[in-house]
Each structure stands twice: as C-alpha cells, then as structure tokens.
Amino acid sequence: MCLCACVAGLFGEDLLQREYRGDRAVLAYVAVHPGATQRNVARAIGISERVAARSLDRLVDDDLLAVASDGATPAALRSYRLAS
C-alpha cells in the first residue's frame, strides 16, 4: 500500500514539473515575442493550443503575463505580454 502511494506521489510530481517546464517555455517565448497569441506560442514551442491556453491562463493568474488585447477578442486571438 505504501509503495503505491509513493509511486502515485512521484508520478504526480513528474506531471507537475512537466507543467512548470512548459510554463517556463511559454513565459520565455512571450518575453521575447510580446504580443504573441495562443496559436503563436503553441506553434513556436511545439505544443497543442489547448496546452498553450492552460499555460497562458496559469501565467496570467500568477500575474506573470498580461492580456494585451481587449476582453471582446476570442481567447485564441488574445495577445500576451509580460506583466508590469
């Protein structure tokens, strides 16, 4: 039982670290390319638009990125920049 809990914990930690690595790649891309869209980020980094959207949302929630376009723009067309 204990072994299963440890393995599950390590697996969960690996998934969490993978998300952090992806978020860092997204953050680095937007830092160099202010005004990038979700689609730009996904294509440049080689991830799906869904994964890019989740990373962008997390980074905006953490106040590391800011949405540079108005709220009426569809999510896939919003542009992002580093938060000030």
PDB file of N, CA and C in Angstrom:
ATOM      1  N   MET A   1       0.825  -1.196   0.000  1.00  0.00           N
ATOM      2  CA  MET A   1       0.000   0.000   0.000  1.00  0.00           C
ATOM      3  C   MET A   1       0.869   1.261   0.000  1.00  0.00           C
ATOM      4  N   CYS A   2       1.887   1.261   0.855  1.00  0.00           N
ATOM      5  CA  CYS A   2       2.767   2.424   0.948  1.00  0.00           C
ATOM      6  C   CYS A   2       3.518   2.643  -0.365  1.00  0.00           C
ATOM      7  N   LEU A   3       3.935   1.556  -0.997  1.00  0.00           N
ATOM      8  CA  LEU A   3       4.647   1.653  -2.262  1.00  0.00           C
ATOM      9  C   LEU A   3       3.767   2.294  -3.335  1.00  0.00           C
ATOM     10  N   CYS A   4       2.495   1.920  -3.355  1.00  0.00           N
ATOM     11  CA  CYS A   4       1.566   2.506  -4.330  1.00  0.00           C
ATOM     12  C   CYS A   4       1.415   3.998  -4.106  1.00  0.00           C
ATOM     13  N   ALA A   5       1.324   4.414  -2.866  1.00  0.00           N
ATOM     14  CA  ALA A   5       1.173   5.837  -2.553  1.00  0.00           C
ATOM     15  C   ALA A   5       2.423   6.603  -2.968  1.00  0.00           C
ATOM     16  N   CYS A   6       3.590   6.009  -2.738  1.00  0.00           N
ATOM     17  CA  CYS A   6       4.843   6.667  -3.120  1.00  0.00           C
ATOM     18  C   CYS A   6       4.954   6.799  -4.641  1.00  0.00           C
ATOM     19  N   VAL A   7       4.619   5.744  -5.359  1.00  0.00           N
ATOM     20  CA  VAL A   7       4.674   5.779  -6.818  1.00  0.00           C
ATOM     21  C   VAL A   7       3.688   6.807  -7.354  1.00  0.00           C
ATOM     22  N   ALA A   8       2.501   6.842  -6.799  1.00  0.00           N
ATOM     23  CA  ALA A   8       1.498   7.814  -7.240  1.00  0.00           C
ATOM     24  C   ALA A   8       1.980   9.236  -6.960  1.00  0.00           C
ATOM     25  N   GLY A   9       2.614   9.436  -5.830  1.00  0.00           N
ATOM     26  CA  GLY A   9       3.143  10.756  -5.492  1.00  0.00           C
ATOM     27  C   GLY A   9       4.238  11.187  -6.452  1.00  0.00           C
ATOM     28  N   LEU A  10       5.127  10.269  -6.795  1.00  0.00           N
ATOM     29  CA  LEU A  10       6.192  10.582  -7.744  1.00  0.00           C
ATOM     30  C   LEU A  10       5.643  10.871  -9.130  1.00  0.00           C
ATOM     31  N   PHE A  11       4.639  10.116  -9.543  1.00  0.00           N
ATOM     32  CA  PHE A  11       4.011  10.342 -10.846  1.00  0.00           C
ATOM     33  C   PHE A  11       3.355  11.720 -10.875  1.00  0.00           C
ATOM     34  N   GLY A  12       2.644  12.069  -9.817  1.00  0.00           N
ATOM     35  CA  GLY A  12       2.004  13.384  -9.733  1.00  0.00           C
ATOM     36  C   GLY A  12       3.027  14.500  -9.751  1.00  0.00           C
ATOM     37  N   GLU A  13       4.152  14.297  -9.048  1.00  0.00           N
ATOM     38  CA  GLU A  13       5.221  15.293  -9.026  1.00  0.00           C
ATOM     39  C   GLU A  13       5.815  15.484 -10.420  1.00  0.00           C
ATOM     40  N   ASP A  14       5.977  14.386 -11.166  1.00  0.00           N
ATOM     41  CA  ASP A  14       6.508  14.469 -12.523  1.00  0.00           C
ATOM     42  C   ASP A  14       5.579  15.279 -13.422  1.00  0.00           C
ATOM     43  N   LEU A  15       4.277  15.052 -13.293  1.00  0.00           N
ATOM     44  CA  LEU A  15       3.315  15.821 -14.096  1.00  0.00           C
ATOM     45  C   LEU A  15       3.375  17.300 -13.753  1.00  0.00           C
ATOM     46  N   LEU A  16       3.488  17.591 -12.470  1.00  0.00           N
ATOM     47  CA  LEU A  16       3.560  18.979 -12.027  1.00  0.00           C
ATOM     48  C   LEU A  16       4.825  19.645 -12.569  1.00  0.00           C
ATOM     49  N   GLN A  17       5.951  18.955 -12.510  1.00  0.00           N
ATOM     50  CA  GLN A  17       7.203  19.505 -13.027  1.00  0.00           C
ATOM     51  C   GLN A  17       7.128  19.728 -14.534  1.00  0.00           C
ATOM     52  N   ARG A  18       6.465  18.828 -15.238  1.00  0.00           N
ATOM     53  CA  ARG A  18       6.305  18.981 -16.684  1.00  0.00           C
ATOM     54  C   ARG A  18       5.503  20.241 -16.994  1.00  0.00           C
ATOM     55  N   GLU A  19       4.454  20.505 -16.210  1.00  0.00           N
ATOM     56  CA  GLU A  19       3.672  21.732 -16.411  1.00  0.00           C
ATOM     57  C   GLU A  19       4.522  22.960 -16.152  1.00  0.00           C
ATOM     58  N   TYR A  20       5.336  22.924 -15.091  1.00  0.00           N
ATOM     59  CA  TYR A  20       6.204  24.063 -14.789  1.00  0.00           C
ATOM     60  C   TYR A  20       7.204  24.309 -15.916  1.00  0.00           C
ATOM     61  N   ARG A  21       7.781  23.239 -16.455  1.00  0.00           N
ATOM     62  CA  ARG A  21       8.726  23.396 -17.569  1.00  0.00           C
ATOM     63  C   ARG A  21       8.019  24.001 -18.775  1.00  0.00           C
ATOM     64  N   GLY A  22       6.809  23.554 -19.045  1.00  0.00           N
ATOM     65  CA  GLY A  22       6.040  24.110 -20.154  1.00  0.00           C
ATOM     66  C   GLY A  22       5.714  25.573 -19.929  1.00  0.00           C
ATOM     67  N   ASP A  23       5.339  25.913 -18.695  1.00  0.00           N
ATOM     68  CA  ASP A  23       5.033  27.305 -18.381  1.00  0.00           C
ATOM     69  C   ASP A  23       6.268  28.184 -18.556  1.00  0.00           C
ATOM     70  N   ARG A  24       7.429  27.672 -18.169  1.00  0.00           N
ATOM     71  CA  ARG A  24       8.660  28.450 -18.341  1.00  0.00           C
ATOM     72  C   ARG A  24       8.950  28.688 -19.817  1.00  0.00           C
ATOM     73  N   ALA A  25       8.711  27.693 -20.651  1.00  0.00           N
ATOM     74  CA  ALA A  25       8.935  27.855 -22.089  1.00  0.00           C
ATOM     75  C   ALA A  25       7.970  28.891 -22.666  1.00  0.00           C
ATOM     76  N   VAL A  26       6.725  28.852 -22.231  1.00  0.00           N
ATOM     77  CA  VAL A  26       5.725  29.827 -22.687  1.00  0.00           C
ATOM     78  C   VAL A  26       6.126  31.228 -22.235  1.00  0.00           C
ATOM     79  N   LEU A  27       6.508  31.357 -20.975  1.00  0.00           N
ATOM     80  CA  LEU A  27       6.915  32.657 -20.441  1.00  0.00           C
ATOM     81  C   LEU A  27       8.123  33.204 -21.194  1.00  0.00           C
ATOM     82  N   ALA A  28       9.096  32.366 -21.468  1.00  0.00           N
ATOM     83  CA  ALA A  28      10.289  32.800 -22.202  1.00  0.00           C
ATOM     84  C   ALA A  28       9.925  33.247 -23.616  1.00  0.00           C
ATOM     85  N   TYR A  29       9.030  32.510 -24.268  1.00  0.00           N
ATOM     86  CA  TYR A  29       8.633  32.879 -25.630  1.00  0.00           C
ATOM     87  C   TYR A  29       7.934  34.236 -25.644  1.00  0.00           C
ATOM     88  N   VAL A  30       7.001  34.438 -24.720  1.00  0.00           N
ATOM     89  CA  VAL A  30       6.262  35.705 -24.692  1.00  0.00           C
ATOM     90  C   VAL A  30       7.192  36.862 -24.311  1.00  0.00           C
ATOM     91  N   ALA A  31       8.187  36.601 -23.478  1.00  0.00           N
ATOM     92  CA  ALA A  31       9.138  37.653 -23.107  1.00  0.00           C
ATOM     93  C   ALA A  31       9.885  38.167 -24.332  1.00  0.00           C
ATOM     94  N   VAL A  32      10.221  37.268 -25.238  1.00  0.00           N
ATOM     95  CA  VAL A  32      10.958  37.644 -26.448  1.00  0.00           C
ATOM     96  C   VAL A  32      10.014  38.119 -27.557  1.00  0.00           C
ATOM     97  N   HIS A  33       8.764  37.653 -27.517  1.00  0.00           N
ATOM     98  CA  HIS A  33       7.783  37.987 -28.554  1.00  0.00           C
ATOM     99  C   HIS A  33       6.522  38.590 -27.929  1.00  0.00           C
ATOM    100  N   PRO A  34       6.617  39.818 -27.383  1.00  0.00           N
ATOM    101  CA  PRO A  34       5.415  40.428 -26.806  1.00  0.00           C
ATOM    102  C   PRO A  34       4.341  40.581 -27.881  1.00  0.00           C
ATOM    103  N   GLY A  35       3.114  40.353 -27.500  1.00  0.00           N
ATOM    104  CA  GLY A  35       2.015  40.411 -28.458  1.00  0.00           C
ATOM    105  C   GLY A  35       1.721  39.066 -29.091  1.00  0.00           C
ATOM    106  N   ALA A  36       2.405  38.019 -28.631  1.00  0.00           N
ATOM    107  CA  ALA A  36       2.179  36.679 -29.174  1.00  0.00           C
ATOM    108  C   ALA A  36       0.783  36.189 -28.813  1.00  0.00           C
ATOM    109  N   THR A  37       0.192  35.440 -29.704  1.00  0.00           N
ATOM    110  CA  THR A  37      -1.115  34.839 -29.448  1.00  0.00           C
ATOM    111  C   THR A  37      -0.931  33.402 -28.989  1.00  0.00           C
ATOM    112  N   GLN A  38      -2.015  32.821 -28.523  1.00  0.00           N
ATOM    113  CA  GLN A  38      -2.006  31.418 -28.101  1.00  0.00           C
ATOM    114  C   GLN A  38      -1.493  30.525 -29.226  1.00  0.00           C
ATOM    115  N   ARG A  39      -1.947  30.781 -30.431  1.00  0.00           N
ATOM    116  CA  ARG A  39      -1.539  29.987 -31.589  1.00  0.00           C
ATOM    117  C   ARG A  39      -0.042  30.159 -31.875  1.00  0.00           C
ATOM    118  N   ASN A  40       0.467  31.411 -31.794  1.00  0.00           N
ATOM    119  CA  ASN A  40       1.896  31.659 -31.992  1.00  0.00           C
ATOM    120  C   ASN A  40       2.730  30.853 -31.005  1.00  0.00           C
ATOM    121  N   VAL A  41       2.328  30.914 -29.749  1.00  0.00           N
ATOM    122  CA  VAL A  41       3.062  30.214 -28.690  1.00  0.00           C
ATOM    123  C   VAL A  41       3.054  28.715 -28.953  1.00  0.00           C
ATOM    124  N   ALA A  42       1.885  28.171 -29.232  1.00  0.00           N
ATOM    125  CA  ALA A  42       1.762  26.724 -29.450  1.00  0.00           C
ATOM    126  C   ALA A  42       2.642  26.260 -30.602  1.00  0.00           C
ATOM    127  N   ARG A  43       2.595  26.964 -31.703  1.00  0.00           N
ATOM    128  CA  ARG A  43       3.380  26.559 -32.882  1.00  0.00           C
ATOM    129  C   ARG A  43       4.876  26.705 -32.641  1.00  0.00           C
ATOM    130  N   ALA A  44       5.276  27.790 -31.999  1.00  0.00           N
ATOM    131  CA  ALA A  44       6.698  28.043 -31.785  1.00  0.00           C
ATOM    132  C   ALA A  44       7.333  27.045 -30.820  1.00  0.00           C
ATOM    133  N   ILE A  45       6.583  26.660 -29.801  1.00  0.00           N
ATOM    134  CA  ILE A  45       7.127  25.764 -28.774  1.00  0.00           C
ATOM    135  C   ILE A  45       6.876  24.305 -29.124  1.00  0.00           C
ATOM    136  N   GLY A  46       5.909  24.062 -30.004  1.00  0.00           N
ATOM    137  CA  GLY A  46       5.614  22.684 -30.392  1.00  0.00           C
ATOM    138  C   GLY A  46       4.675  21.981 -29.430  1.00  0.00           C
ATOM    139  N   ILE A  47       3.683  22.731 -28.926  1.00  0.00           N
ATOM    140  CA  ILE A  47       2.672  22.156 -28.042  1.00  0.00           C
ATOM    141  C   ILE A  47       1.300  22.410 -28.651  1.00  0.00           C
ATOM    142  N   SER A  48       0.300  21.733 -28.133  1.00  0.00           N
ATOM    143  CA  SER A  48      -1.051  21.953 -28.646  1.00  0.00           C
ATOM    144  C   SER A  48      -1.572  23.306 -28.164  1.00  0.00           C
ATOM    145  N   GLU A  49      -2.558  23.825 -28.869  1.00  0.00           N
ATOM    146  CA  GLU A  49      -3.151  25.097 -28.454  1.00  0.00           C
ATOM    147  C   GLU A  49      -3.840  24.964 -27.105  1.00  0.00           C
ATOM    148  N   ARG A  50      -4.376  23.800 -26.811  1.00  0.00           N
ATOM    149  CA  ARG A  50      -5.031  23.569 -25.514  1.00  0.00           C
ATOM    150  C   ARG A  50      -4.013  23.668 -24.380  1.00  0.00           C
ATOM    151  N   VAL A  51      -2.852  23.059 -24.557  1.00  0.00           N
ATOM    152  CA  VAL A  51      -1.798  23.118 -23.539  1.00  0.00           C
ATOM    153  C   VAL A  51      -1.290  24.553 -23.412  1.00  0.00           C
ATOM    154  N   ALA A  52      -1.121  25.235 -24.537  1.00  0.00           N
ATOM    155  CA  ALA A  52      -0.690  26.635 -24.514  1.00  0.00           C
ATOM    156  C   ALA A  52      -1.702  27.491 -23.765  1.00  0.00           C
ATOM    157  N   ALA A  53      -2.976  27.251 -23.995  1.00  0.00           N
ATOM    158  CA  ALA A  53      -4.021  28.023 -23.325  1.00  0.00           C
ATOM    159  C   ALA A  53      -3.955  27.829 -21.813  1.00  0.00           C
ATOM    160  N   ARG A  54      -3.760  26.591 -21.374  1.00  0.00           N
ATOM    161  CA  ARG A  54      -3.673  26.333 -19.926  1.00  0.00           C
ATOM    162  C   ARG A  54      -2.455  27.026 -19.325  1.00  0.00           C
ATOM    163  N   SER A  55      -1.324  26.964 -20.000  1.00  0.00           N
ATOM    164  CA  SER A  55      -0.119  27.632 -19.503  1.00  0.00           C
ATOM    165  C   SER A  55      -0.313  29.143 -19.461  1.00  0.00           C
ATOM    166  N   LEU A  56      -0.858  29.704 -20.519  1.00  0.00           N
ATOM    167  CA  LEU A  56      -1.096  31.147 -20.554  1.00  0.00           C
ATOM    168  C   LEU A  56      -2.054  31.568 -19.443  1.00  0.00           C
ATOM    169  N   ASP A  57      -3.102  30.806 -19.233  1.00  0.00           N
ATOM    170  CA  ASP A  57      -4.052  31.126 -18.154  1.00  0.00           C
ATOM    171  C   ASP A  57      -3.371  31.095 -16.795  1.00  0.00           C
ATOM    172  N   ARG A  58      -2.543  30.062 -16.552  1.00  0.00           N
ATOM    173  CA  ARG A  58      -1.838  29.980 -15.266  1.00  0.00           C
ATOM    174  C   ARG A  58      -0.903  31.168 -15.083  1.00  0.00           C
ATOM    175  N   LEU A  59      -0.182  31.529 -16.136  1.00  0.00           N
ATOM    176  CA  LEU A  59       0.764  32.634 -16.047  1.00  0.00           C
ATOM    177  C   LEU A  59       0.058  33.975 -15.861  1.00  0.00           C
ATOM    178  N   VAL A  60      -1.105  34.145 -16.456  1.00  0.00           N
ATOM    179  CA  VAL A  60      -1.901  35.360 -16.236  1.00  0.00           C
ATOM    180  C   VAL A  60      -2.423  35.367 -14.797  1.00  0.00           C
ATOM    181  N   ASP A  61      -2.925  34.228 -14.324  1.00  0.00           N
ATOM    182  CA  ASP A  61      -3.424  34.133 -12.939  1.00  0.00           C
ATOM    183  C   ASP A  61      -2.328  34.430 -11.923  1.00  0.00           C
ATOM    184  N   ASP A  62      -1.088  34.050 -12.251  1.00  0.00           N
ATOM    185  CA  ASP A  62       0.050  34.284 -11.356  1.00  0.00           C
ATOM    186  C   ASP A  62       0.659  35.677 -11.537  1.00  0.00           C
ATOM    187  N   ASP A  63       0.021  36.515 -12.359  1.00  0.00           N
ATOM    188  CA  ASP A  63       0.467  37.889 -12.638  1.00  0.00           C
ATOM    189  C   ASP A  63       1.850  37.960 -13.265  1.00  0.00           C
ATOM    190  N   LEU A  64       2.223  36.941 -14.022  1.00  0.00           N
ATOM    191  CA  LEU A  64       3.485  36.975 -14.748  1.00  0.00           C
ATOM    192  C   LEU A  64       3.281  37.466 -16.181  1.00  0.00           C
ATOM    193  N   LEU A  65       2.095  37.202 -16.737  1.00  0.00           N
ATOM    194  CA  LEU A  65       1.722  37.683 -18.061  1.00  0.00           C
ATOM    195  C   LEU A  65       0.465  38.522 -17.956  1.00  0.00           C
ATOM    196  N   ALA A  66       0.294  39.403 -18.921  1.00  0.00           N
ATOM    197  CA  ALA A  66      -0.914  40.214 -19.012  1.00  0.00           C
ATOM    198  C   ALA A  66      -1.510  40.037 -20.400  1.00  0.00           C
ATOM    199  N   VAL A  67      -2.816  40.076 -20.471  1.00  0.00           N
ATOM    200  CA  VAL A  67      -3.506  40.012 -21.760  1.00  0.00           C
ATOM    201  C   VAL A  67      -3.420  41.405 -22.365  1.00  0.00           C
ATOM    202  N   ALA A  68      -2.898  41.481 -23.567  1.00  0.00           N
ATOM    203  CA  ALA A  68      -2.660  42.775 -24.202  1.00  0.00           C
ATOM    204  C   ALA A  68      -3.822  43.229 -25.066  1.00  0.00           C
ATOM    205  N   SER A  69      -4.800  42.359 -25.343  1.00  0.00           N
ATOM    206  CA  SER A  69      -5.925  42.746 -26.188  1.00  0.00           C
ATOM    207  C   SER A  69      -7.179  42.898 -25.342  1.00  0.00           C
ATOM    208  N   ASP A  70      -8.202  43.437 -25.957  1.00  0.00           N
ATOM    209  CA  ASP A  70      -9.437  43.701 -25.210  1.00  0.00           C
ATOM    210  C   ASP A  70     -10.168  42.406 -24.855  1.00  0.00           C
ATOM    211  N   GLY A  71     -11.102  42.504 -23.941  1.00  0.00           N
ATOM    212  CA  GLY A  71     -11.841  41.343 -23.467  1.00  0.00           C
ATOM    213  C   GLY A  71     -12.800  40.765 -24.490  1.00  0.00           C
ATOM    214  N   ALA A  72     -13.117  41.517 -25.545  1.00  0.00           N
ATOM    215  CA  ALA A  72     -14.059  41.037 -26.552  1.00  0.00           C
ATOM    216  C   ALA A  72     -13.400  40.102 -27.560  1.00  0.00           C
ATOM    217  N   THR A  73     -12.076  40.062 -27.562  1.00  0.00           N
ATOM    218  CA  THR A  73     -11.345  39.222 -28.506  1.00  0.00           C
ATOM    219  C   THR A  73     -11.479  37.760 -28.103  1.00  0.00           C
ATOM    220  N   PRO A  74     -11.736  36.860 -29.047  1.00  0.00           N
ATOM    221  CA  PRO A  74     -11.787  35.430 -28.704  1.00  0.00           C
ATOM    222  C   PRO A  74     -10.475  34.975 -28.062  1.00  0.00           C
ATOM    223  N   ALA A  75     -10.557  34.011 -27.166  1.00  0.00           N
ATOM    224  CA  ALA A  75      -9.395  33.564 -26.401  1.00  0.00           C
ATOM    225  C   ALA A  75      -8.209  33.193 -27.287  1.00  0.00           C
ATOM    226  N   ALA A  76      -8.463  32.519 -28.403  1.00  0.00           N
ATOM    227  CA  ALA A  76      -7.374  32.076 -29.275  1.00  0.00           C
ATOM    228  C   ALA A  76      -6.659  33.248 -29.955  1.00  0.00           C
ATOM    229  N   LEU A  77      -7.298  34.420 -30.001  1.00  0.00           N
ATOM    230  CA  LEU A  77      -6.701  35.567 -30.694  1.00  0.00           C
ATOM    231  C   LEU A  77      -6.158  36.633 -29.743  1.00  0.00           C
ATOM    232  N   ARG A  78      -6.307  36.420 -28.430  1.00  0.00           N
ATOM    233  CA  ARG A  78      -5.762  37.384 -27.482  1.00  0.00           C
ATOM    234  C   ARG A  78      -4.255  37.389 -27.578  1.00  0.00           C
ATOM    235  N   SER A  79      -3.667  38.543 -27.337  1.00  0.00           N
ATOM    236  CA  SER A  79      -2.210  38.613 -27.325  1.00  0.00           C
ATOM    237  C   SER A  79      -1.732  38.811 -25.895  1.00  0.00           C
ATOM    238  N   TYR A  80      -0.508  38.379 -25.647  1.00  0.00           N
ATOM    239  CA  TYR A  80       0.040  38.385 -24.294  1.00  0.00           C
ATOM    240  C   TYR A  80       1.370  39.110 -24.262  1.00  0.00           C
ATOM    241  N   ARG A  81       1.673  39.675 -23.112  1.00  0.00           N
ATOM    242  CA  ARG A  81       2.939  40.351 -22.861  1.00  0.00           C
ATOM    243  C   ARG A  81       3.309  40.117 -21.407  1.00  0.00           C
ATOM    244  N   LEU A  82       4.546  40.427 -21.058  1.00  0.00           N
ATOM    245  CA  LEU A  82       4.942  40.308 -19.659  1.00  0.00           C
ATOM    246  C   LEU A  82       4.158  41.305 -18.831  1.00  0.00           C
ATOM    247  N   ALA A  83       3.775  40.910 -17.658  1.00  0.00           N
ATOM    248  CA  ALA A  83       3.065  41.817 -16.758  1.00  0.00           C
ATOM    249  C   ALA A  83       4.048  42.841 -16.211  1.00  0.00           C
ATOM    250  N   SER A  84       3.539  44.034 -15.954  1.00  0.00           N
ATOM    251  CA  SER A  84       4.445  45.072 -15.430  1.00  0.00           C
ATOM    252  C   SER A  84       4.389  45.148 -13.934  1.00  0.00           C
TER     253      SER A  84
END
